[in-house]
Structures are given as C-alpha cells and as structure tokens.
C-alpha cells in the first residue's frame, strides 16, 4: 500500500458517494480504503492504487456522483508523504 496513489471524491449526500465508490472500483484496479463523514452532509470516499488507475477511477467516480447527486471535490495525490500515510485508513480497516 505504501507509495500507492490516493484518490478522493467528496460529495454532498451519501447516495452520490456510494455511487462514486461503486463506479471507481468497477472502472479501474483500485481498492476502496475508507470513507469519512465530514458533517453538513459531506462524505469523502478514498481509493488507492497505481497513479493511472486512481486517475481513471476518480474520473469515473466523479461522473457517476454528478449523475445522482452533488459533487464537491475530486483530488488525486500521486504519492502521499509518509507523514500523511499515518492518518489514512489502512486496507485492514477498510476490510472490516
């Protein structure tokens, strides 16, 4: 998991985030590592994988989220710094 790219999609509402997550894992070889409920109806879903796969996944996820809800933000970090890694959900946590 270290050195994998991180892709994030933030939506307003749960339905858009679920649709985005579904589209991301179907579109590319990425794995869903977690979700965060921000407050005020904002939900962020996160995926990991190689840079190209994460970019393709977030593109597909953003399009899917816009079809059913309100897309707030999309961002890809190609190789998160090790200090950032400690605050991210692990794949073991995501499997629960």
N, C-alpha and C. Protein backbone atom coordinates (compact mmCIF):
# COMPACT_ATOMS: atom_id res chain seq x y z
N UNK A 1 0.82 -1.19 0.00
CA UNK A 1 0.00 0.00 0.00
C UNK A 1 0.86 1.25 0.00
N UNK A 2 2.03 1.20 0.62
CA UNK A 2 2.88 2.39 0.61
C UNK A 2 3.24 2.76 -0.81
N UNK A 3 3.26 4.04 -1.06
CA UNK A 3 3.61 4.63 -2.34
C UNK A 3 2.52 4.48 -3.40
N UNK A 4 1.37 3.90 -3.03
CA UNK A 4 0.23 3.91 -3.94
C UNK A 4 -0.36 5.30 -3.97
N UNK A 5 -0.93 5.66 -5.10
CA UNK A 5 -1.63 6.94 -5.21
C UNK A 5 -2.89 6.90 -4.35
N UNK A 6 -3.34 8.07 -3.96
CA UNK A 6 -4.56 8.23 -3.17
C UNK A 6 -5.55 9.05 -3.98
N UNK A 7 -6.75 8.54 -4.15
CA UNK A 7 -7.80 9.28 -4.84
C UNK A 7 -8.94 9.55 -3.88
N UNK A 8 -9.46 10.78 -3.91
CA UNK A 8 -10.54 11.17 -3.01
C UNK A 8 -11.65 11.86 -3.79
N UNK A 9 -12.87 11.51 -3.46
CA UNK A 9 -14.04 12.18 -4.02
C UNK A 9 -14.93 12.59 -2.86
N UNK A 10 -15.30 13.86 -2.85
CA UNK A 10 -16.19 14.37 -1.81
C UNK A 10 -17.51 14.77 -2.43
N UNK A 11 -18.60 14.32 -1.82
CA UNK A 11 -19.94 14.61 -2.33
C UNK A 11 -20.79 15.20 -1.21
N UNK A 12 -21.87 15.82 -1.60
CA UNK A 12 -22.87 16.24 -0.63
C UNK A 12 -23.96 15.19 -0.67
N UNK A 13 -24.05 14.41 0.38
CA UNK A 13 -25.03 13.33 0.45
C UNK A 13 -24.39 11.97 0.29
N UNK A 14 -25.01 11.00 0.91
CA UNK A 14 -24.48 9.63 0.93
C UNK A 14 -24.65 8.92 -0.41
N UNK A 15 -25.77 9.14 -1.08
CA UNK A 15 -26.04 8.41 -2.32
C UNK A 15 -24.97 8.68 -3.37
N UNK A 16 -24.59 9.94 -3.54
CA UNK A 16 -23.54 10.28 -4.51
C UNK A 16 -22.22 9.62 -4.18
N UNK A 17 -21.89 9.54 -2.89
CA UNK A 17 -20.61 8.93 -2.51
C UNK A 17 -20.62 7.42 -2.75
N UNK A 18 -21.75 6.78 -2.49
CA UNK A 18 -21.84 5.34 -2.75
C UNK A 18 -21.76 5.07 -4.25
N UNK A 19 -22.44 5.88 -5.03
CA UNK A 19 -22.38 5.73 -6.49
C UNK A 19 -20.95 5.95 -6.99
N UNK A 20 -20.26 6.96 -6.44
CA UNK A 20 -18.87 7.23 -6.83
C UNK A 20 -17.97 6.05 -6.47
N UNK A 21 -18.11 5.53 -5.25
CA UNK A 21 -17.29 4.40 -4.82
C UNK A 21 -17.51 3.19 -5.71
N UNK A 22 -18.75 2.90 -6.03
CA UNK A 22 -19.08 1.77 -6.90
C UNK A 22 -18.44 1.94 -8.28
N UNK A 23 -18.58 3.14 -8.84
CA UNK A 23 -18.00 3.40 -10.16
C UNK A 23 -16.48 3.31 -10.14
N UNK A 24 -15.85 3.79 -9.07
CA UNK A 24 -14.38 3.77 -9.00
C UNK A 24 -13.83 2.36 -8.99
N UNK A 25 -14.41 1.49 -8.16
CA UNK A 25 -13.85 0.13 -8.07
C UNK A 25 -14.19 -0.71 -9.30
N UNK A 26 -15.24 -0.33 -10.02
CA UNK A 26 -15.58 -1.04 -11.26
C UNK A 26 -14.76 -0.55 -12.46
N UNK A 27 -14.31 0.71 -12.41
CA UNK A 27 -13.64 1.32 -13.56
C UNK A 27 -12.16 0.99 -13.66
N UNK A 28 -11.52 0.71 -12.54
CA UNK A 28 -10.07 0.53 -12.56
C UNK A 28 -9.63 -0.40 -11.44
N UNK A 29 -8.38 -0.81 -11.50
CA UNK A 29 -7.81 -1.71 -10.50
C UNK A 29 -7.40 -0.90 -9.27
N UNK A 30 -8.39 -0.49 -8.49
CA UNK A 30 -8.16 0.26 -7.25
C UNK A 30 -8.90 -0.45 -6.13
N UNK A 31 -8.56 -0.11 -4.90
CA UNK A 31 -9.29 -0.66 -3.77
C UNK A 31 -9.76 0.47 -2.88
N UNK A 32 -10.95 0.32 -2.38
CA UNK A 32 -11.58 1.31 -1.51
C UNK A 32 -10.96 1.18 -0.13
N UNK A 33 -10.41 2.28 0.39
CA UNK A 33 -9.79 2.19 1.71
C UNK A 33 -10.61 2.83 2.81
N UNK A 34 -11.58 3.64 2.46
CA UNK A 34 -12.37 4.22 3.53
C UNK A 34 -13.30 5.30 3.07
N UNK A 35 -14.06 5.77 4.07
CA UNK A 35 -14.97 6.88 3.86
C UNK A 35 -14.96 7.73 5.13
N UNK A 36 -15.23 9.00 4.94
CA UNK A 36 -15.28 9.93 6.07
C UNK A 36 -16.56 10.73 5.96
N UNK A 37 -17.28 10.82 7.07
CA UNK A 37 -18.44 11.70 7.15
C UNK A 37 -17.95 13.01 7.74
N UNK A 38 -17.98 14.07 6.95
CA UNK A 38 -17.38 15.34 7.35
C UNK A 38 -18.33 16.15 8.22
N UNK A 39 -19.59 16.08 7.95
CA UNK A 39 -20.59 16.92 8.61
C UNK A 39 -21.27 17.77 7.55
N UNK A 40 -22.45 18.24 7.86
CA UNK A 40 -23.19 19.03 6.90
C UNK A 40 -23.55 18.26 5.64
N UNK A 41 -23.59 16.93 5.76
CA UNK A 41 -23.94 16.10 4.61
C UNK A 41 -22.79 15.75 3.69
N UNK A 42 -21.58 16.20 4.00
CA UNK A 42 -20.43 15.91 3.14
C UNK A 42 -19.84 14.54 3.48
N UNK A 43 -19.55 13.79 2.43
CA UNK A 43 -18.96 12.46 2.57
C UNK A 43 -17.79 12.35 1.60
N UNK A 44 -16.66 11.85 2.08
CA UNK A 44 -15.49 11.63 1.23
C UNK A 44 -15.21 10.13 1.16
N UNK A 45 -15.00 9.62 -0.04
CA UNK A 45 -14.59 8.23 -0.23
C UNK A 45 -13.18 8.23 -0.81
N UNK A 46 -12.37 7.25 -0.40
CA UNK A 46 -10.96 7.21 -0.78
C UNK A 46 -10.60 5.86 -1.38
N UNK A 47 -9.78 5.90 -2.43
CA UNK A 47 -9.27 4.69 -3.06
C UNK A 47 -7.75 4.78 -3.18
N UNK A 48 -7.12 3.60 -3.29
CA UNK A 48 -5.67 3.52 -3.51
C UNK A 48 -5.41 2.64 -4.71
N UNK A 49 -4.26 2.84 -5.32
CA UNK A 49 -3.82 2.04 -6.46
C UNK A 49 -2.72 2.78 -7.18
N UNK A 50 -2.31 2.27 -8.36
CA UNK A 50 -1.28 2.99 -9.10
C UNK A 50 -1.89 4.28 -9.67
N UNK A 51 -1.04 5.22 -10.01
CA UNK A 51 -1.48 6.56 -10.38
C UNK A 51 -2.49 6.55 -11.53
N UNK A 52 -2.20 5.81 -12.58
CA UNK A 52 -3.10 5.76 -13.73
C UNK A 52 -4.47 5.20 -13.37
N UNK A 53 -4.47 4.14 -12.57
CA UNK A 53 -5.73 3.52 -12.17
C UNK A 53 -6.54 4.45 -11.27
N UNK A 54 -5.87 5.12 -10.36
CA UNK A 54 -6.57 6.04 -9.46
C UNK A 54 -7.15 7.22 -10.24
N UNK A 55 -6.41 7.73 -11.21
CA UNK A 55 -6.92 8.83 -12.04
C UNK A 55 -8.14 8.38 -12.83
N UNK A 56 -8.07 7.21 -13.45
CA UNK A 56 -9.21 6.69 -14.20
C UNK A 56 -10.41 6.46 -13.27
N UNK A 57 -10.14 5.93 -12.09
CA UNK A 57 -11.21 5.66 -11.13
C UNK A 57 -11.89 6.94 -10.65
N UNK A 58 -11.10 7.96 -10.32
CA UNK A 58 -11.70 9.20 -9.84
C UNK A 58 -12.47 9.92 -10.95
N UNK A 59 -12.00 9.81 -12.18
CA UNK A 59 -12.76 10.38 -13.30
C UNK A 59 -14.13 9.71 -13.42
N UNK A 60 -14.14 8.38 -13.36
CA UNK A 60 -15.39 7.63 -13.45
C UNK A 60 -16.28 7.90 -12.24
N UNK A 61 -15.68 7.95 -11.07
CA UNK A 61 -16.45 8.20 -9.85
C UNK A 61 -17.06 9.58 -9.82
N UNK A 62 -16.32 10.57 -10.29
CA UNK A 62 -16.83 11.94 -10.32
C UNK A 62 -18.03 12.04 -11.26
N UNK A 63 -17.92 11.42 -12.43
CA UNK A 63 -19.03 11.44 -13.38
C UNK A 63 -20.27 10.76 -12.80
N UNK A 64 -20.06 9.64 -12.13
CA UNK A 64 -21.19 8.92 -11.53
C UNK A 64 -21.84 9.73 -10.41
N UNK A 65 -21.02 10.35 -9.58
CA UNK A 65 -21.56 11.15 -8.47
C UNK A 65 -22.38 12.33 -8.99
N UNK A 66 -21.91 12.95 -10.06
CA UNK A 66 -22.64 14.09 -10.62
C UNK A 66 -23.98 13.69 -11.20
N UNK A 67 -24.10 12.46 -11.67
CA UNK A 67 -25.37 12.00 -12.24
C UNK A 67 -26.46 11.86 -11.19
N UNK A 68 -26.08 11.50 -9.96
CA UNK A 68 -27.10 11.22 -8.94
C UNK A 68 -27.09 12.18 -7.76
N UNK A 69 -26.10 13.03 -7.67
CA UNK A 69 -26.00 13.92 -6.51
C UNK A 69 -25.15 15.13 -6.80
N UNK A 70 -24.57 15.66 -5.75
CA UNK A 70 -23.77 16.88 -5.85
C UNK A 70 -22.30 16.58 -5.57
N UNK A 71 -21.47 16.73 -6.58
CA UNK A 71 -20.03 16.53 -6.45
C UNK A 71 -19.40 17.80 -5.89
N UNK A 72 -18.62 17.66 -4.83
CA UNK A 72 -17.98 18.82 -4.22
C UNK A 72 -16.52 18.95 -4.65
N UNK A 73 -15.79 17.82 -4.65
CA UNK A 73 -14.36 17.90 -4.91
C UNK A 73 -13.82 16.54 -5.34
N UNK A 74 -12.78 16.58 -6.18
CA UNK A 74 -12.06 15.37 -6.61
C UNK A 74 -10.58 15.70 -6.55
N UNK A 75 -9.79 14.79 -5.97
CA UNK A 75 -8.35 15.06 -5.92
C UNK A 75 -7.57 13.75 -5.91
N UNK A 76 -6.43 13.76 -6.58
CA UNK A 76 -5.52 12.61 -6.60
C UNK A 76 -4.17 13.08 -6.09
N UNK A 77 -3.61 12.34 -5.13
CA UNK A 77 -2.25 12.58 -4.65
C UNK A 77 -1.42 11.40 -5.16
N UNK A 78 -0.50 11.64 -6.11
CA UNK A 78 0.23 10.53 -6.73
C UNK A 78 1.03 9.67 -5.75
N UNK A 79 1.66 10.26 -4.78
CA UNK A 79 2.43 9.50 -3.80
C UNK A 79 2.42 10.26 -2.48
N UNK A 80 1.45 9.98 -1.62
CA UNK A 80 1.37 10.71 -0.35
C UNK A 80 2.64 10.54 0.48
N UNK A 81 3.04 11.61 1.15
CA UNK A 81 4.20 11.59 2.04
C UNK A 81 3.94 10.63 3.20
N UNK A 82 4.98 10.08 3.76
CA UNK A 82 4.84 9.12 4.86
C UNK A 82 4.12 9.72 6.06
N UNK A 83 4.24 11.02 6.27
CA UNK A 83 3.53 11.67 7.38
C UNK A 83 2.02 11.67 7.13
N UNK A 84 1.62 11.72 5.89
CA UNK A 84 0.19 11.68 5.54
C UNK A 84 -0.33 10.25 5.68
N UNK A 85 0.50 9.27 5.37
CA UNK A 85 0.09 7.87 5.44
C UNK A 85 -0.47 7.50 6.81
N UNK A 86 0.08 8.07 7.88
CA UNK A 86 -0.35 7.69 9.23
C UNK A 86 -1.79 8.10 9.54
N UNK A 87 -2.34 9.08 8.82
CA UNK A 87 -3.71 9.50 9.10
C UNK A 87 -4.73 8.85 8.16
N UNK A 88 -4.25 8.09 7.19
CA UNK A 88 -5.15 7.44 6.24
C UNK A 88 -5.63 6.10 6.78
N UNK A 89 -6.86 5.70 6.42
CA UNK A 89 -7.32 4.37 6.81
C UNK A 89 -6.44 3.31 6.15
N UNK A 90 -6.21 2.21 6.85
CA UNK A 90 -5.42 1.12 6.26
C UNK A 90 -6.35 0.17 5.54
N UNK A 91 -5.79 -0.68 4.70
CA UNK A 91 -6.62 -1.65 3.98
C UNK A 91 -7.24 -2.64 4.96
N UNK A 92 -6.61 -2.90 6.10
CA UNK A 92 -7.18 -3.79 7.11
C UNK A 92 -8.43 -3.17 7.72
N UNK A 93 -8.38 -1.86 7.97
CA UNK A 93 -9.56 -1.17 8.50
C UNK A 93 -10.68 -1.19 7.48
N UNK A 94 -10.35 -1.03 6.21
CA UNK A 94 -11.36 -0.98 5.15
C UNK A 94 -12.06 -2.32 4.99
N UNK A 95 -11.37 -3.41 5.33
CA UNK A 95 -11.95 -4.74 5.17
C UNK A 95 -12.99 -5.06 6.24
N UNK A 96 -13.03 -4.29 7.31
CA UNK A 96 -13.98 -4.55 8.41
C UNK A 96 -15.40 -4.26 8.01
